[in-house]
Amino acid sequence: MERKILRNSKKIIFLIKKPLIFLFLRNRDAEKVLEEHSEVLGLSEKDVLKASFRNPQVLHQKPENMKRNFTEIAKALNIPEEKLIKCAIKTPNLFLQNVDTIKQNVTEAAKILGSSEEEFIKSALLNPSLFATKPESIKQKISNAVESFSITEKNFV
């Protein structure tokens, strides 16, 4: 995928195949949006761009709402915001998902895996998509792996 950024004094023009970003930037002042998101979220413009390449909806949300949601997630999971922000750049859905949904995903997934929430959170910090993965999906993947490798679920987990 081509990711090329051209800067001029008023706008940043993205030449990219992701239509949501392209449509968004045609209708709004990209420089202003990037600066606003960067300032409110405490990220560099480069990090905002990284997140938007992974999920263009990041640029469509109000940064204040994203920051509030993000702060609530960090508090609910007892994670320092600095660690969670690194995860969110890799998995931008963390900026967008409801705190209750993520908390429920963590609680249920930990039960399925037979671990504590703290252990699950440590693992999820290494693989941030786990925060947003539905527990049913985790359970199904475990079942598929157990079946494929002909082992017991207890030995797998």
Protein backbone atom coordinates (compact mmCIF):
# COMPACT_ATOMS: atom_id res chain seq x y z
CA MET A 1 0.00 0.00 0.00
CA GLU A 2 1.37 3.39 -0.97
CA ARG A 3 1.65 5.83 1.93
CA LYS A 4 2.98 9.13 0.76
CA ILE A 5 2.45 12.44 2.50
CA LEU A 6 2.79 15.77 0.72
CA ARG A 7 2.91 18.88 2.87
CA ASN A 8 2.14 22.42 1.88
CA SER A 9 1.47 25.41 4.11
CA LYS A 10 -2.24 24.76 4.61
CA LYS A 11 -2.94 21.07 4.15
CA ILE A 12 -1.49 17.64 4.21
CA ILE A 13 -2.56 15.56 1.27
CA PHE A 14 -2.50 11.82 1.66
CA LEU A 15 -2.00 9.70 -1.38
CA ILE A 16 -3.31 6.46 -0.03
CA LYS A 17 -5.69 3.76 -1.09
CA LYS A 18 -7.80 3.95 2.07
CA PRO A 19 -10.91 5.83 0.95
CA LEU A 20 -12.06 6.92 4.43
CA ILE A 21 -8.87 8.89 5.00
CA PHE A 22 -8.97 10.35 1.51
CA LEU A 23 -12.61 11.46 1.80
CA PHE A 24 -12.00 12.85 5.25
CA LEU A 25 -9.02 14.89 4.18
CA ARG A 26 -10.76 16.26 1.11
CA ASN A 27 -13.43 17.77 3.33
CA ARG A 28 -11.40 19.04 6.30
CA ASP A 29 -8.18 20.86 7.02
CA ALA A 30 -5.84 17.94 7.70
CA GLU A 31 -3.12 20.00 9.34
CA LYS A 32 -5.57 21.36 11.90
CA VAL A 33 -7.03 17.92 12.61
CA LEU A 34 -3.60 16.35 13.11
CA GLU A 35 -2.46 19.16 15.39
CA GLU A 36 -5.66 18.95 17.45
CA HIS A 37 -5.50 15.17 17.83
CA SER A 38 -1.80 15.32 18.61
CA GLU A 39 -2.22 17.99 21.27
CA VAL A 40 -5.28 16.52 23.01
CA LEU A 41 -4.08 12.90 22.95
CA GLY A 42 -0.50 13.75 23.85
CA LEU A 43 0.86 12.01 20.75
CA SER A 44 3.16 13.12 18.00
CA GLU A 45 1.56 13.81 14.62
CA LYS A 46 3.50 10.81 13.33
CA ASP A 47 1.80 8.55 15.93
CA VAL A 48 -1.63 9.95 15.07
CA LEU A 49 -0.92 9.15 11.42
CA LYS A 50 0.22 5.62 12.31
CA ALA A 51 -3.01 5.02 14.20
CA SER A 52 -5.11 6.50 11.38
CA PHE A 53 -3.45 4.26 8.78
CA ARG A 54 -4.54 1.27 10.86
CA ASN A 55 -8.02 2.65 11.55
CA PRO A 56 -9.13 5.77 9.64
CA GLN A 57 -11.98 6.35 12.11
CA VAL A 58 -9.40 7.80 14.50
CA LEU A 59 -9.45 11.02 12.47
CA HIS A 60 -13.25 11.15 12.48
CA GLN A 61 -13.64 11.10 16.27
CA LYS A 62 -13.40 14.09 18.55
CA PRO A 63 -10.02 13.87 20.30
CA GLU A 64 -11.55 14.98 23.61
CA ASN A 65 -13.92 12.00 23.59
CA MET A 66 -11.10 9.66 22.64
CA LYS A 67 -8.89 11.00 25.45
CA ARG A 68 -11.68 10.66 28.02
CA ASN A 69 -12.45 7.11 26.88
CA PHE A 70 -8.78 6.22 26.86
CA THR A 71 -8.23 7.58 30.37
CA GLU A 72 -11.23 5.60 31.66
CA ILE A 73 -9.85 2.39 30.11
CA ALA A 74 -6.44 2.95 31.72
CA LYS A 75 -8.06 3.50 35.13
CA ALA A 76 -10.45 0.55 34.80
CA LEU A 77 -7.62 -1.82 33.88
CA ASN A 78 -5.12 -0.25 36.27
CA ILE A 79 -2.61 0.36 33.48
CA PRO A 80 -0.36 3.42 33.20
CA GLU A 81 -1.58 5.60 30.34
CA GLU A 82 1.91 5.61 28.78
CA LYS A 83 1.79 1.82 28.28
CA LEU A 84 -1.76 1.88 27.01
CA ILE A 85 -1.02 4.69 24.56
CA LYS A 86 1.67 2.52 22.91
CA CYS A 87 -0.90 -0.24 22.58
CA ALA A 88 -3.47 2.14 21.11
CA ILE A 89 -1.10 3.26 18.37
CA LYS A 90 -0.77 -0.40 17.34
CA THR A 91 -4.47 -1.13 17.91
CA PRO A 92 -6.38 2.15 17.41
CA ASN A 93 -9.70 0.52 18.34
CA LEU A 94 -8.64 1.10 21.94
CA PHE A 95 -9.25 4.81 21.35
CA LEU A 96 -12.74 4.08 20.07
CA GLN A 97 -14.14 1.22 22.15
CA ASN A 98 -16.31 1.60 25.20
CA VAL A 99 -14.52 1.09 28.51
CA ASP A 100 -17.19 -1.35 29.72
CA THR A 101 -16.76 -3.50 26.62
CA ILE A 102 -13.00 -3.73 27.07
CA LYS A 103 -13.31 -4.41 30.80
CA GLN A 104 -15.85 -7.17 30.09
CA ASN A 105 -13.60 -8.66 27.38
CA VAL A 106 -10.67 -8.76 29.83
CA THR A 107 -12.72 -10.32 32.64
CA GLU A 108 -14.34 -13.00 30.49
CA ALA A 109 -11.18 -13.83 28.54
CA ALA A 110 -9.21 -14.26 31.78
CA LYS A 111 -11.87 -16.70 33.03
CA ILE A 112 -11.77 -18.66 29.77
CA LEU A 113 -7.99 -18.90 29.95
CA GLY A 114 -8.02 -19.75 33.64
CA SER A 115 -5.81 -16.82 34.55
CA SER A 116 -6.15 -13.68 36.59
CA GLU A 117 -7.12 -10.39 34.96
CA GLU A 118 -3.66 -9.04 35.79
CA GLU A 119 -1.97 -11.90 33.92
CA PHE A 120 -4.27 -11.41 30.95
CA ILE A 121 -3.57 -7.67 30.92
CA LYS A 122 0.19 -8.33 30.93
CA SER A 123 -0.25 -10.57 27.89
CA ALA A 124 -2.56 -8.10 26.20
CA LEU A 125 0.00 -5.31 26.61
CA LEU A 126 2.29 -7.43 24.43
CA ASN A 127 -0.51 -8.16 21.93
CA PRO A 128 -2.94 -5.21 22.19
CA SER A 129 -5.57 -6.70 19.92
CA LEU A 130 -6.45 -9.05 22.81
CA PHE A 131 -8.10 -6.12 24.61
CA ALA A 132 -10.63 -5.80 21.81
CA THR A 133 -11.03 -9.50 21.03
CA LYS A 134 -14.36 -10.98 22.00
CA PRO A 135 -14.02 -13.77 24.57
CA GLU A 136 -16.08 -16.07 22.33
CA SER A 137 -13.43 -15.66 19.62
CA ILE A 138 -10.68 -16.60 22.05
CA LYS A 139 -12.65 -19.65 23.16
CA GLN A 140 -13.22 -20.70 19.54
CA LYS A 141 -9.53 -20.29 18.67
CA ILE A 142 -8.55 -22.42 21.67
CA SER A 143 -11.02 -25.11 20.61
CA ASN A 144 -9.69 -25.06 17.05
CA ALA A 145 -6.07 -25.29 18.24
CA VAL A 146 -6.86 -28.11 20.69
CA GLU A 147 -8.59 -30.01 17.91
CA SER A 148 -5.79 -29.40 15.40
CA PHE A 149 -2.98 -30.45 17.76
CA SER A 150 -4.89 -33.29 19.42
CA ILE A 151 -4.12 -32.08 22.94
CA THR A 152 -6.28 -31.27 25.91
CA GLU A 153 -7.46 -27.75 26.51
CA LYS A 154 -5.71 -27.69 29.89
CA ASN A 155 -2.36 -28.51 28.21
CA PHE A 156 -2.91 -25.85 25.57
CA VAL A 157 -3.82 -23.01 27.92
